[in-house]
Amino acid sequence: FRDLNYTAIRENGKFELSREIDTVKDVLT
């Protein structure tokens, strides 16, 4: 989305939502 790569992993209420560009990765859990 708008040149950023997004990943969402959800498992039984646990989540890891991230976005990534070049060498920077932001992670929300």
mmCIF file of all heavy atoms, coordinates in Angstrom:
data_MODEL
# 
_entry.id   MODEL 
# 
loop_
_atom_site.group_PDB 
_atom_site.id 
_atom_site.type_symbol 
_atom_site.label_atom_id 
_atom_site.label_alt_id 
_atom_site.label_comp_id 
_atom_site.label_asym_id 
_atom_site.label_entity_id 
_atom_site.label_seq_id 
_atom_site.pdbx_PDB_ins_code 
_atom_site.Cartn_x 
_atom_site.Cartn_y 
_atom_site.Cartn_z 
_atom_site.occupancy 
_atom_site.B_iso_or_equiv 
_atom_site.pdbx_formal_charge 
_atom_site.auth_seq_id 
_atom_site.auth_comp_id 
_atom_site.auth_asym_id 
_atom_site.auth_atom_id 
_atom_site.pdbx_PDB_model_num 
ATOM 1   N N   . PHE A 1 1  ? 0.844  -1.186  0.000  1.00 0.00 ? 1  PHE A N   1 
ATOM 2   C CA  . PHE A 1 1  ? 0.000  0.000   0.000  1.00 0.00 ? 1  PHE A CA  1 
ATOM 3   C C   . PHE A 1 1  ? 0.880  1.237   0.000  1.00 0.00 ? 1  PHE A C   1 
ATOM 4   O O   . PHE A 1 1  ? 1.688  1.432   0.905  1.00 0.00 ? 1  PHE A O   1 
ATOM 5   C CB  . PHE A 1 1  ? -0.922 -0.007  1.224  1.00 0.00 ? 1  PHE A CB  1 
ATOM 6   C CG  . PHE A 1 1  ? -1.790 1.216   1.351  1.00 0.00 ? 1  PHE A CG  1 
ATOM 7   C CD1 . PHE A 1 1  ? -2.740 1.514   0.383  1.00 0.00 ? 1  PHE A CD1 1 
ATOM 8   C CD2 . PHE A 1 1  ? -1.647 2.067   2.434  1.00 0.00 ? 1  PHE A CD2 1 
ATOM 9   C CE1 . PHE A 1 1  ? -3.539 2.645   0.500  1.00 0.00 ? 1  PHE A CE1 1 
ATOM 10  C CE2 . PHE A 1 1  ? -2.448 3.192   2.563  1.00 0.00 ? 1  PHE A CE2 1 
ATOM 11  C CZ  . PHE A 1 1  ? -3.397 3.485   1.581  1.00 0.00 ? 1  PHE A CZ  1 
ATOM 12  N N   . ARG A 1 2  ? 0.779  2.022   -1.068 1.00 0.00 ? 2  ARG A N   1 
ATOM 13  C CA  . ARG A 1 2  ? 1.553  3.254   -1.207 1.00 0.00 ? 2  ARG A CA  1 
ATOM 14  C C   . ARG A 1 2  ? 3.048  3.039   -0.951 1.00 0.00 ? 2  ARG A C   1 
ATOM 15  O O   . ARG A 1 2  ? 3.660  3.692   -0.097 1.00 0.00 ? 2  ARG A O   1 
ATOM 16  C CB  . ARG A 1 2  ? 0.981  4.341   -0.299 1.00 0.00 ? 2  ARG A CB  1 
ATOM 17  C CG  . ARG A 1 2  ? -0.419 4.777   -0.733 1.00 0.00 ? 2  ARG A CG  1 
ATOM 18  C CD  . ARG A 1 2  ? -1.030 5.815   0.180  1.00 0.00 ? 2  ARG A CD  1 
ATOM 19  N NE  . ARG A 1 2  ? -2.357 6.200   -0.295 1.00 0.00 ? 2  ARG A NE  1 
ATOM 20  C CZ  . ARG A 1 2  ? -3.229 6.929   0.388  1.00 0.00 ? 2  ARG A CZ  1 
ATOM 21  N NH1 . ARG A 1 2  ? -2.916 7.350   1.607  1.00 0.00 ? 2  ARG A NH1 1 
ATOM 22  N NH2 . ARG A 1 2  ? -4.407 7.240   -0.122 1.00 0.00 ? 2  ARG A NH2 1 
ATOM 23  N N   . ASP A 1 3  ? 3.585  2.070   -1.674 1.00 0.00 ? 3  ASP A N   1 
ATOM 24  C CA  . ASP A 1 3  ? 5.034  1.764   -1.681 1.00 0.00 ? 3  ASP A CA  1 
ATOM 25  C C   . ASP A 1 3  ? 5.561  1.163   -0.382 1.00 0.00 ? 3  ASP A C   1 
ATOM 26  O O   . ASP A 1 3  ? 6.773  1.012   -0.211 1.00 0.00 ? 3  ASP A O   1 
ATOM 27  C CB  . ASP A 1 3  ? 5.853  3.023   -2.016 1.00 0.00 ? 3  ASP A CB  1 
ATOM 28  C CG  . ASP A 1 3  ? 5.542  3.549   -3.411 1.00 0.00 ? 3  ASP A CG  1 
ATOM 29  O OD1 . ASP A 1 3  ? 5.309  2.709   -4.315 1.00 0.00 ? 3  ASP A OD1 1 
ATOM 30  O OD2 . ASP A 1 3  ? 5.516  4.778   -3.594 1.00 0.00 ? 3  ASP A OD2 1 
ATOM 31  N N   . LEU A 1 4  ? 4.671  0.829   0.539  1.00 0.00 ? 4  LEU A N   1 
ATOM 32  C CA  . LEU A 1 4  ? 5.089  0.167   1.768  1.00 0.00 ? 4  LEU A CA  1 
ATOM 33  C C   . LEU A 1 4  ? 4.557  -1.261  1.762  1.00 0.00 ? 4  LEU A C   1 
ATOM 34  O O   . LEU A 1 4  ? 3.448  -1.527  1.275  1.00 0.00 ? 4  LEU A O   1 
ATOM 35  C CB  . LEU A 1 4  ? 4.551  0.901   3.000  1.00 0.00 ? 4  LEU A CB  1 
ATOM 36  C CG  . LEU A 1 4  ? 5.119  2.291   3.274  1.00 0.00 ? 4  LEU A CG  1 
ATOM 37  C CD1 . LEU A 1 4  ? 4.343  2.968   4.383  1.00 0.00 ? 4  LEU A CD1 1 
ATOM 38  C CD2 . LEU A 1 4  ? 6.589  2.220   3.632  1.00 0.00 ? 4  LEU A CD2 1 
ATOM 39  N N   . ASN A 1 5  ? 5.349  -2.182  2.287  1.00 0.00 ? 5  ASN A N   1 
ATOM 40  C CA  . ASN A 1 5  ? 4.948  -3.590  2.373  1.00 0.00 ? 5  ASN A CA  1 
ATOM 41  C C   . ASN A 1 5  ? 4.383  -3.876  3.761  1.00 0.00 ? 5  ASN A C   1 
ATOM 42  O O   . ASN A 1 5  ? 5.038  -3.612  4.777  1.00 0.00 ? 5  ASN A O   1 
ATOM 43  C CB  . ASN A 1 5  ? 6.150  -4.492  2.098  1.00 0.00 ? 5  ASN A CB  1 
ATOM 44  C CG  . ASN A 1 5  ? 6.659  -4.346  0.680  1.00 0.00 ? 5  ASN A CG  1 
ATOM 45  O OD1 . ASN A 1 5  ? 5.904  -4.470  -0.283 1.00 0.00 ? 5  ASN A OD1 1 
ATOM 46  N ND2 . ASN A 1 5  ? 7.947  -4.056  0.528  1.00 0.00 ? 5  ASN A ND2 1 
ATOM 47  N N   . TYR A 1 6  ? 3.178  -4.407  3.793  1.00 0.00 ? 6  TYR A N   1 
ATOM 48  C CA  . TYR A 1 6  ? 2.491  -4.680  5.060  1.00 0.00 ? 6  TYR A CA  1 
ATOM 49  C C   . TYR A 1 6  ? 2.306  -6.183  5.258  1.00 0.00 ? 6  TYR A C   1 
ATOM 50  O O   . TYR A 1 6  ? 2.032  -6.919  4.312  1.00 0.00 ? 6  TYR A O   1 
ATOM 51  C CB  . TYR A 1 6  ? 1.116  -4.005  5.068  1.00 0.00 ? 6  TYR A CB  1 
ATOM 52  C CG  . TYR A 1 6  ? 1.177  -2.505  5.205  1.00 0.00 ? 6  TYR A CG  1 
ATOM 53  C CD1 . TYR A 1 6  ? 1.407  -1.696  4.102  1.00 0.00 ? 6  TYR A CD1 1 
ATOM 54  C CD2 . TYR A 1 6  ? 1.007  -1.898  6.450  1.00 0.00 ? 6  TYR A CD2 1 
ATOM 55  C CE1 . TYR A 1 6  ? 1.461  -0.308  4.224  1.00 0.00 ? 6  TYR A CE1 1 
ATOM 56  C CE2 . TYR A 1 6  ? 1.054  -0.514  6.582  1.00 0.00 ? 6  TYR A CE2 1 
ATOM 57  C CZ  . TYR A 1 6  ? 1.286  0.270   5.468  1.00 0.00 ? 6  TYR A CZ  1 
ATOM 58  O OH  . TYR A 1 6  ? 1.349  1.646   5.599  1.00 0.00 ? 6  TYR A OH  1 
ATOM 59  N N   . THR A 1 7  ? 2.440  -6.593  6.518  1.00 0.00 ? 7  THR A N   1 
ATOM 60  C CA  . THR A 1 7  ? 2.201  -7.994  6.891  1.00 0.00 ? 7  THR A CA  1 
ATOM 61  C C   . THR A 1 7  ? 1.386  -8.038  8.178  1.00 0.00 ? 7  THR A C   1 
ATOM 62  O O   . THR A 1 7  ? 1.666  -7.293  9.125  1.00 0.00 ? 7  THR A O   1 
ATOM 63  C CB  . THR A 1 7  ? 3.530  -8.747  7.118  1.00 0.00 ? 7  THR A CB  1 
ATOM 64  O OG1 . THR A 1 7  ? 4.307  -8.715  5.913  1.00 0.00 ? 7  THR A OG1 1 
ATOM 65  C CG2 . THR A 1 7  ? 3.268  -10.207 7.508  1.00 0.00 ? 7  THR A CG2 1 
ATOM 66  N N   . ALA A 1 8  ? 0.374  -8.899  8.183  1.00 0.00 ? 8  ALA A N   1 
ATOM 67  C CA  . ALA A 1 8  ? -0.438 -9.084  9.392  1.00 0.00 ? 8  ALA A CA  1 
ATOM 68  C C   . ALA A 1 8  ? -0.501 -10.571 9.716  1.00 0.00 ? 8  ALA A C   1 
ATOM 69  O O   . ALA A 1 8  ? -0.937 -11.374 8.893  1.00 0.00 ? 8  ALA A O   1 
ATOM 70  C CB  . ALA A 1 8  ? -1.842 -8.534  9.183  1.00 0.00 ? 8  ALA A CB  1 
ATOM 71  N N   . ILE A 1 9  ? -0.051 -10.927 10.910 1.00 0.00 ? 9  ILE A N   1 
ATOM 72  C CA  . ILE A 1 9  ? -0.136 -12.308 11.382 1.00 0.00 ? 9  ILE A CA  1 
ATOM 73  C C   . ILE A 1 9  ? -1.039 -12.323 12.609 1.00 0.00 ? 9  ILE A C   1 
ATOM 74  O O   . ILE A 1 9  ? -0.774 -11.627 13.598 1.00 0.00 ? 9  ILE A O   1 
ATOM 75  C CB  . ILE A 1 9  ? 1.254  -12.872 11.742 1.00 0.00 ? 9  ILE A CB  1 
ATOM 76  C CG1 . ILE A 1 9  ? 2.171  -12.831 10.515 1.00 0.00 ? 9  ILE A CG1 1 
ATOM 77  C CG2 . ILE A 1 9  ? 1.139  -14.307 12.262 1.00 0.00 ? 9  ILE A CG2 1 
ATOM 78  C CD1 . ILE A 1 9  ? 3.613  -13.209 10.816 1.00 0.00 ? 9  ILE A CD1 1 
ATOM 79  N N   . ARG A 1 10 ? -2.114 -13.077 12.524 1.00 0.00 ? 10 ARG A N   1 
ATOM 80  C CA  . ARG A 1 10 ? -3.073 -13.164 13.634 1.00 0.00 ? 10 ARG A CA  1 
ATOM 81  C C   . ARG A 1 10 ? -3.273 -14.629 13.998 1.00 0.00 ? 10 ARG A C   1 
ATOM 82  O O   . ARG A 1 10 ? -3.557 -15.456 13.134 1.00 0.00 ? 10 ARG A O   1 
ATOM 83  C CB  . ARG A 1 10 ? -4.405 -12.523 13.242 1.00 0.00 ? 10 ARG A CB  1 
ATOM 84  C CG  . ARG A 1 10 ? -4.298 -11.051 12.880 1.00 0.00 ? 10 ARG A CG  1 
ATOM 85  C CD  . ARG A 1 10 ? -5.647 -10.500 12.443 1.00 0.00 ? 10 ARG A CD  1 
ATOM 86  N NE  . ARG A 1 10 ? -5.614 -9.068  12.167 1.00 0.00 ? 10 ARG A NE  1 
ATOM 87  C CZ  . ARG A 1 10 ? -5.352 -8.544  10.974 1.00 0.00 ? 10 ARG A CZ  1 
ATOM 88  N NH1 . ARG A 1 10 ? -5.093 -9.332  9.939  1.00 0.00 ? 10 ARG A NH1 1 
ATOM 89  N NH2 . ARG A 1 10 ? -5.348 -7.230  10.811 1.00 0.00 ? 10 ARG A NH2 1 
ATOM 90  N N   . GLU A 1 11 ? -3.128 -14.934 15.291 1.00 0.00 ? 11 GLU A N   1 
ATOM 91  C CA  . GLU A 1 11 ? -3.300 -16.308 15.770 1.00 0.00 ? 11 GLU A CA  1 
ATOM 92  C C   . GLU A 1 11 ? -4.015 -16.291 17.118 1.00 0.00 ? 11 GLU A C   1 
ATOM 93  O O   . GLU A 1 11 ? -3.424 -15.938 18.137 1.00 0.00 ? 11 GLU A O   1 
ATOM 94  C CB  . GLU A 1 11 ? -1.948 -17.008 15.909 1.00 0.00 ? 11 GLU A CB  1 
ATOM 95  C CG  . GLU A 1 11 ? -1.227 -17.251 14.599 1.00 0.00 ? 11 GLU A CG  1 
ATOM 96  C CD  . GLU A 1 11 ? 0.048  -18.046 14.778 1.00 0.00 ? 11 GLU A CD  1 
ATOM 97  O OE1 . GLU A 1 11 ? -0.027 -19.290 14.763 1.00 0.00 ? 11 GLU A OE1 1 
ATOM 98  O OE2 . GLU A 1 11 ? 1.115  -17.428 14.968 1.00 0.00 ? 11 GLU A OE2 1 
ATOM 99  N N   . ASN A 1 12 ? -5.295 -16.632 17.091 1.00 0.00 ? 12 ASN A N   1 
ATOM 100 C CA  . ASN A 1 12 ? -6.083 -16.782 18.322 1.00 0.00 ? 12 ASN A CA  1 
ATOM 101 C C   . ASN A 1 12 ? -5.959 -15.606 19.272 1.00 0.00 ? 12 ASN A C   1 
ATOM 102 O O   . ASN A 1 12 ? -5.734 -15.763 20.478 1.00 0.00 ? 12 ASN A O   1 
ATOM 103 C CB  . ASN A 1 12 ? -5.677 -18.078 19.042 1.00 0.00 ? 12 ASN A CB  1 
ATOM 104 C CG  . ASN A 1 12 ? -5.944 -19.303 18.190 1.00 0.00 ? 12 ASN A CG  1 
ATOM 105 O OD1 . ASN A 1 12 ? -7.005 -19.444 17.603 1.00 0.00 ? 12 ASN A OD1 1 
ATOM 106 N ND2 . ASN A 1 12 ? -4.952 -20.192 18.114 1.00 0.00 ? 12 ASN A ND2 1 
ATOM 107 N N   . GLY A 1 13 ? -6.124 -14.399 18.750 1.00 0.00 ? 13 GLY A N   1 
ATOM 108 C CA  . GLY A 1 13 ? -6.084 -13.211 19.587 1.00 0.00 ? 13 GLY A CA  1 
ATOM 109 C C   . GLY A 1 13 ? -4.735 -12.526 19.645 1.00 0.00 ? 13 GLY A C   1 
ATOM 110 O O   . GLY A 1 13 ? -4.642 -11.344 19.974 1.00 0.00 ? 13 GLY A O   1 
ATOM 111 N N   . LYS A 1 14 ? -3.677 -13.238 19.321 1.00 0.00 ? 14 LYS A N   1 
ATOM 112 C CA  . LYS A 1 14 ? -2.350 -12.619 19.249 1.00 0.00 ? 14 LYS A CA  1 
ATOM 113 C C   . LYS A 1 14 ? -2.162 -12.050 17.849 1.00 0.00 ? 14 LYS A C   1 
ATOM 114 O O   . LYS A 1 14 ? -2.627 -12.625 16.869 1.00 0.00 ? 14 LYS A O   1 
ATOM 115 C CB  . LYS A 1 14 ? -1.249 -13.639 19.552 1.00 0.00 ? 14 LYS A CB  1 
ATOM 116 C CG  . LYS A 1 14 ? -1.249 -14.132 20.990 1.00 0.00 ? 14 LYS A CG  1 
ATOM 117 C CD  . LYS A 1 14 ? -0.072 -15.071 21.234 1.00 0.00 ? 14 LYS A CD  1 
ATOM 118 C CE  . LYS A 1 14 ? -0.037 -15.535 22.680 1.00 0.00 ? 14 LYS A CE  1 
ATOM 119 N NZ  . LYS A 1 14 ? 1.113  -16.449 22.940 1.00 0.00 ? 14 LYS A NZ  1 
ATOM 120 N N   . PHE A 1 15 ? -1.486 -10.911 17.759 1.00 0.00 ? 15 PHE A N   1 
ATOM 121 C CA  . PHE A 1 15 ? -1.292 -10.312 16.446 1.00 0.00 ? 15 PHE A CA  1 
ATOM 122 C C   . PHE A 1 15 ? 0.093  -9.679  16.316 1.00 0.00 ? 15 PHE A C   1 
ATOM 123 O O   . PHE A 1 15 ? 0.713  -9.266  17.302 1.00 0.00 ? 15 PHE A O   1 
ATOM 124 C CB  . PHE A 1 15 ? -2.364 -9.249  16.166 1.00 0.00 ? 15 PHE A CB  1 
ATOM 125 C CG  . PHE A 1 15 ? -2.316 -8.058  17.106 1.00 0.00 ? 15 PHE A CG  1 
ATOM 126 C CD1 . PHE A 1 15 ? -1.472 -6.988  16.861 1.00 0.00 ? 15 PHE A CD1 1 
ATOM 127 C CD2 . PHE A 1 15 ? -3.129 -8.013  18.231 1.00 0.00 ? 15 PHE A CD2 1 
ATOM 128 C CE1 . PHE A 1 15 ? -1.433 -5.882  17.719 1.00 0.00 ? 15 PHE A CE1 1 
ATOM 129 C CE2 . PHE A 1 15 ? -3.109 -6.930  19.092 1.00 0.00 ? 15 PHE A CE2 1 
ATOM 130 C CZ  . PHE A 1 15 ? -2.246 -5.863  18.833 1.00 0.00 ? 15 PHE A CZ  1 
ATOM 131 N N   . GLU A 1 16 ? 0.567  -9.643  15.090 1.00 0.00 ? 16 GLU A N   1 
ATOM 132 C CA  . GLU A 1 16 ? 1.772  -8.909  14.734 1.00 0.00 ? 16 GLU A CA  1 
ATOM 133 C C   . GLU A 1 16 ? 1.487  -8.172  13.433 1.00 0.00 ? 16 GLU A C   1 
ATOM 134 O O   . GLU A 1 16 ? 1.336  -8.780  12.377 1.00 0.00 ? 16 GLU A O   1 
ATOM 135 C CB  . GLU A 1 16 ? 2.973  -9.838  14.547 1.00 0.00 ? 16 GLU A CB  1 
ATOM 136 C CG  . GLU A 1 16 ? 4.242  -9.079  14.152 1.00 0.00 ? 16 GLU A CG  1 
ATOM 137 C CD  . GLU A 1 16 ? 5.443  -9.995  13.955 1.00 0.00 ? 16 GLU A CD  1 
ATOM 138 O OE1 . GLU A 1 16 ? 5.813  -10.693 14.910 1.00 0.00 ? 16 GLU A OE1 1 
ATOM 139 O OE2 . GLU A 1 16 ? 5.980  -10.013 12.827 1.00 0.00 ? 16 GLU A OE2 1 
ATOM 140 N N   . LEU A 1 17 ? 1.369  -6.856  13.534 1.00 0.00 ? 17 LEU A N   1 
ATOM 141 C CA  . LEU A 1 17 ? 1.074  -6.015  12.382 1.00 0.00 ? 17 LEU A CA  1 
ATOM 142 C C   . LEU A 1 17 ? 2.321  -5.213  12.047 1.00 0.00 ? 17 LEU A C   1 
ATOM 143 O O   . LEU A 1 17 ? 2.865  -4.525  12.914 1.00 0.00 ? 17 LEU A O   1 
ATOM 144 C CB  . LEU A 1 17 ? -0.086 -5.060  12.690 1.00 0.00 ? 17 LEU A CB  1 
ATOM 145 C CG  . LEU A 1 17 ? -1.342 -5.685  13.306 1.00 0.00 ? 17 LEU A CG  1 
ATOM 146 C CD1 . LEU A 1 17 ? -2.374 -4.600  13.607 1.00 0.00 ? 17 LEU A CD1 1 
ATOM 147 C CD2 . LEU A 1 17 ? -1.937 -6.738  12.378 1.00 0.00 ? 17 LEU A CD2 1 
ATOM 148 N N   . SER A 1 18 ? 2.769  -5.295  10.820 1.00 0.00 ? 18 SER A N   1 
ATOM 149 C CA  . SER A 1 18 ? 4.019  -4.621  10.482 1.00 0.00 ? 18 SER A CA  1 
ATOM 150 C C   . SER A 1 18 ? 3.943  -3.918  9.133  1.00 0.00 ? 18 SER A C   1 
ATOM 151 O O   . SER A 1 18 ? 3.067  -4.198  8.310  1.00 0.00 ? 18 SER A O   1 
ATOM 152 C CB  . SER A 1 18 ? 5.179  -5.618  10.481 1.00 0.00 ? 18 SER A CB  1 
ATOM 153 O OG  . SER A 1 18 ? 5.019  -6.574  9.448  1.00 0.00 ? 18 SER A OG  1 
ATOM 154 N N   . ARG A 1 19 ? 4.881  -3.001  8.937  1.00 0.00 ? 19 ARG A N   1 
ATOM 155 C CA  . ARG A 1 19 ? 5.086  -2.382  7.635  1.00 0.00 ? 19 ARG A CA  1 
ATOM 156 C C   . ARG A 1 19 ? 6.591  -2.254  7.427  1.00 0.00 ? 19 ARG A C   1 
ATOM 157 O O   . ARG A 1 19 ? 7.362  -2.131  8.392  1.00 0.00 ? 19 ARG A O   1 
ATOM 158 C CB  . ARG A 1 19 ? 4.411  -1.019  7.552  1.00 0.00 ? 19 ARG A CB  1 
ATOM 159 C CG  . ARG A 1 19 ? 5.064  0.060   8.389  1.00 0.00 ? 19 ARG A CG  1 
ATOM 160 C CD  . ARG A 1 19 ? 4.379  1.402   8.215  1.00 0.00 ? 19 ARG A CD  1 
ATOM 161 N NE  . ARG A 1 19 ? 5.122  2.454   8.895  1.00 0.00 ? 19 ARG A NE  1 
ATOM 162 C CZ  . ARG A 1 19 ? 4.727  3.719   9.002  1.00 0.00 ? 19 ARG A CZ  1 
ATOM 163 N NH1 . ARG A 1 19 ? 3.564  4.074   8.466  1.00 0.00 ? 19 ARG A NH1 1 
ATOM 164 N NH2 . ARG A 1 19 ? 5.449  4.619   9.633  1.00 0.00 ? 19 ARG A NH2 1 
ATOM 165 N N   . GLU A 1 20 ? 7.002  -2.261  6.174  1.00 0.00 ? 20 GLU A N   1 
ATOM 166 C CA  . GLU A 1 20 ? 8.438  -2.339  5.895  1.00 0.00 ? 20 GLU A CA  1 
ATOM 167 C C   . GLU A 1 20 ? 8.768  -1.581  4.614  1.00 0.00 ? 20 GLU A C   1 
ATOM 168 O O   . GLU A 1 20 ? 8.042  -1.658  3.622  1.00 0.00 ? 20 GLU A O   1 
ATOM 169 C CB  . GLU A 1 20 ? 8.841  -3.805  5.754  1.00 0.00 ? 20 GLU A CB  1 
ATOM 170 C CG  . GLU A 1 20 ? 10.314 -4.075  5.799  1.00 0.00 ? 20 GLU A CG  1 
ATOM 171 C CD  . GLU A 1 20 ? 10.623 -5.559  5.920  1.00 0.00 ? 20 GLU A CD  1 
ATOM 172 O OE1 . GLU A 1 20 ? 9.652  -6.350  6.018  1.00 0.00 ? 20 GLU A OE1 1 
ATOM 173 O OE2 . GLU A 1 20 ? 11.816 -5.917  5.914  1.00 0.00 ? 20 GLU A OE2 1 
ATOM 174 N N   . ILE A 1 21 ? 9.851  -0.832  4.648  1.00 0.00 ? 21 ILE A N   1 
ATOM 175 C CA  . ILE A 1 21 ? 10.378 -0.195  3.456  1.00 0.00 ? 21 ILE A CA  1 
ATOM 176 C C   . ILE A 1 21 ? 11.888 -0.098  3.597  1.00 0.00 ? 21 ILE A C   1 
ATOM 177 O O   . ILE A 1 21 ? 12.416 0.320   4.633  1.00 0.00 ? 21 ILE A O   1 
ATOM 178 C CB  . ILE A 1 21 ? 9.757  1.203   3.231  1.00 0.00 ? 21 ILE A CB  1 
ATOM 179 C CG1 . ILE A 1 21 ? 10.259 1.794   1.915  1.00 0.00 ? 21 ILE A CG1 1 
ATOM 180 C CG2 . ILE A 1 21 ? 10.007 2.128   4.395  1.00 0.00 ? 21 ILE A CG2 1 
ATOM 181 C CD1 . ILE A 1 21 ? 9.532  3.045   1.473  1.00 0.00 ? 21 ILE A CD1 1 
ATOM 182 N N   . ASP A 1 22 ? 12.577 -0.548  2.549  1.00 0.00 ? 22 ASP A N   1 
ATOM 183 C CA  . ASP A 1 22 ? 14.050 -0.577  2.568  1.00 0.00 ? 22 ASP A CA  1 
ATOM 184 C C   . ASP A 1 22 ? 14.549 -1.318  3.817  1.00 0.00 ? 22 ASP A C   1 
ATOM 185 O O   . ASP A 1 22 ? 14.190 -2.467  4.015  1.00 0.00 ? 22 ASP A O   1 
ATOM 186 C CB  . ASP A 1 22 ? 14.612 0.849   2.502  1.00 0.00 ? 22 ASP A CB  1 
ATOM 187 C CG  . ASP A 1 22 ? 14.220 1.557   1.204  1.00 0.00 ? 22 ASP A CG  1 
ATOM 188 O OD1 . ASP A 1 22 ? 14.069 0.862   0.179  1.00 0.00 ? 22 ASP A OD1 1 
ATOM 189 O OD2 . ASP A 1 22 ? 14.041 2.781   1.229  1.00 0.00 ? 22 ASP A OD2 1 
ATOM 190 N N   . THR A 1 23 ? 15.307 -0.646  4.671  1.00 0.00 ? 23 THR A N   1 
ATOM 191 C CA  . THR A 1 23 ? 15.887 -1.325  5.838  1.00 0.00 ? 23 THR A CA  1 
ATOM 192 C C   . THR A 1 23 ? 15.110 -1.060  7.128  1.00 0.00 ? 23 THR A C   1 
ATOM 193 O O   . THR A 1 23 ? 15.539 -1.456  8.211  1.00 0.00 ? 23 THR A O   1 
ATOM 194 C CB  . THR A 1 23 ? 17.352 -0.872  6.044  1.00 0.00 ? 23 THR A CB  1 
ATOM 195 O OG1 . THR A 1 23 ? 17.386 0.546   6.257  1.00 0.00 ? 23 THR A OG1 1 
ATOM 196 C CG2 . THR A 1 23 ? 18.197 -1.235  4.823  1.00 0.00 ? 23 THR A CG2 1 
ATOM 197 N N   . VAL A 1 24 ? 13.976 -0.377  7.005  1.00 0.00 ? 24 VAL A N   1 
ATOM 198 C CA  . VAL A 1 24 ? 13.193 -0.011  8.188  1.00 0.00 ? 24 VAL A CA  1 
ATOM 199 C C   . VAL A 1 24 ? 11.957 -0.899  8.292  1.00 0.00 ? 24 VAL A C   1 
ATOM 200 O O   . VAL A 1 24 ? 11.195 -1.053  7.344  1.00 0.00 ? 24 VAL A O   1 
ATOM 201 C CB  . VAL A 1 24 ? 12.752 1.465   8.139  1.00 0.00 ? 24 VAL A CB  1 
ATOM 202 C CG1 . VAL A 1 24 ? 11.925 1.811   9.373  1.00 0.00 ? 24 VAL A CG1 1 
ATOM 203 C CG2 . VAL A 1 24 ? 13.970 2.382   8.035  1.00 0.00 ? 24 VAL A CG2 1 
ATOM 204 N N   . LYS A 1 25 ? 11.756 -1.478  9.478  1.00 0.00 ? 25 LYS A N   1 
ATOM 205 C CA  . LYS A 1 25 ? 10.584 -2.310  9.726  1.00 0.00 ? 25 LYS A CA  1 
ATOM 206 C C   . LYS A 1 25 ? 9.935  -1.872  11.032 1.00 0.00 ? 25 LYS A C   1 
ATOM 207 O O   . LYS A 1 25 ? 10.577 -1.841  12.079 1.00 0.00 ? 25 LYS A O   1 
ATOM 208 C CB  . LYS A 1 25 ? 10.970 -3.787  9.815  1.00 0.00 ? 25 LYS A CB  1 
ATOM 209 C CG  . LYS A 1 25 ? 9.775  -4.717  10.003 1.00 0.00 ? 25 LYS A CG  1 
ATOM 210 C CD  . LYS A 1 25 ? 10.184 -6.180  9.970  1.00 0.00 ? 25 LYS A CD  1 
ATOM 211 C CE  . LYS A 1 25 ? 8.963  -7.096  10.089 1.00 0.00 ? 25 LYS A CE  1 
ATOM 212 N NZ  . LYS A 1 25 ? 9.343  -8.529  10.034 1.00 0.00 ? 25 LYS A NZ  1 
ATOM 213 N N   . ASP A 1 26 ? 8.657  -1.521  10.957 1.00 0.00 ? 26 ASP A N   1 
ATOM 214 C CA  . ASP A 1 26 ? 7.882  -1.139  12.130 1.00 0.00 ? 26 ASP A CA  1 
ATOM 215 C C   . ASP A 1 26 ? 6.939  -2.281  12.491 1.00 0.00 ? 26 ASP A C   1 
ATOM 216 O O   . ASP A 1 26 ? 6.234  -2.804  11.619 1.00 0.00 ? 26 ASP A O   1 
ATOM 217 C CB  . ASP A 1 26 ? 7.070  0.125   11.844 1.00 0.00 ? 26 ASP A CB  1 
ATOM 218 C CG  . ASP A 1 26 ? 7.961  1.328   11.549 1.00 0.00 ? 26 ASP A CG  1 
ATOM 219 O OD1 . ASP A 1 26 ? 9.001  1.448   12.219 1.00 0.00 ? 26 ASP A OD1 1 
ATOM 220 O OD2 . ASP A 1 26 ? 7.613  2.126   10.659 1.00 0.00 ? 26 ASP A OD2 1 
ATOM 221 N N   . VAL A 1 27 ? 6.924  -2.646  13.773 1.00 0.00 ? 27 VAL A N   1 
ATOM 222 C CA  . VAL A 1 27 ? 6.162  -3.819  14.210 1.00 0.00 ? 27 VAL A CA  1 
ATOM 223 C C   . VAL A 1 27 ? 5.276  -3.462  15.402 1.00 0.00 ? 27 VAL A C   1 
ATOM 224 O O   . VAL A 1 27 ? 5.753  -2.928  16.408 1.00 0.00 ? 27 VAL A O   1 
ATOM 225 C CB  . VAL A 1 27 ? 7.098  -4.984  14.599 1.00 0.00 ? 27 VAL A CB  1 
ATOM 226 C CG1 . VAL A 1 27 ? 6.272  -6.204  15.007 1.00 0.00 ? 27 VAL A CG1 1 
ATOM 227 C CG2 . VAL A 1 27 ? 8.028  -5.334  13.451 1.00 0.00 ? 27 VAL A CG2 1 
ATOM 228 N N   . LEU A 1 28 ? 3.977  -3.771  15.268 1.00 0.00 ? 28 LEU A N   1 
ATOM 229 C CA  . LEU A 1 28 ? 3.016  -3.551  16.345 1.00 0.00 ? 28 LEU A CA  1 
ATOM 230 C C   . LEU A 1 28 ? 2.443  -4.893  16.770 1.00 0.00 ? 28 LEU A C   1 
ATOM 231 O O   . LEU A 1 28 ? 1.918  -5.644  15.952 1.00 0.00 ? 28 LEU A O   1 
ATOM 232 C CB  . LEU A 1 28 ? 1.893  -2.629  15.858 1.00 0.00 ? 28 LEU A CB  1 
ATOM 233 C CG  . LEU A 1 28 ? 0.772  -2.308  16.845 1.00 0.00 ? 28 LEU A CG  1 
ATOM 234 C CD1 . LEU A 1 28 ? 1.315  -1.546  18.048 1.00 0.00 ? 28 LEU A CD1 1 
ATOM 235 C CD2 . LEU A 1 28 ? -0.328 -1.503  16.151 1.00 0.00 ? 28 LEU A CD2 1 
ATOM 236 N N   . THR A 1 29 ? 2.564  -5.223  18.058 1.00 0.00 ? 29 THR A N   1 
ATOM 237 C CA  . THR A 1 29 ? 2.046  -6.490  18.588 1.00 0.00 ? 29 THR A CA  1 
ATOM 238 C C   . THR A 1 29 ? 1.176  -6.214  19.812 1.00 0.00 ? 29 THR A C   1 
ATOM 239 O O   . THR A 1 29 ? 0.989  -5.061  20.217 1.00 0.00 ? 29 THR A O   1 
ATOM 240 C CB  . THR A 1 29 ? 3.185  -7.437  18.996 1.00 0.00 ? 29 THR A CB  1 
ATOM 241 O OG1 . THR A 1 29 ? 3.854  -6.888  20.154 1.00 0.00 ? 29 THR A OG1 1 
ATOM 242 C CG2 . THR A 1 29 ? 4.190  -7.619  17.868 1.00 0.00 ? 29 THR A CG2 1 
# 
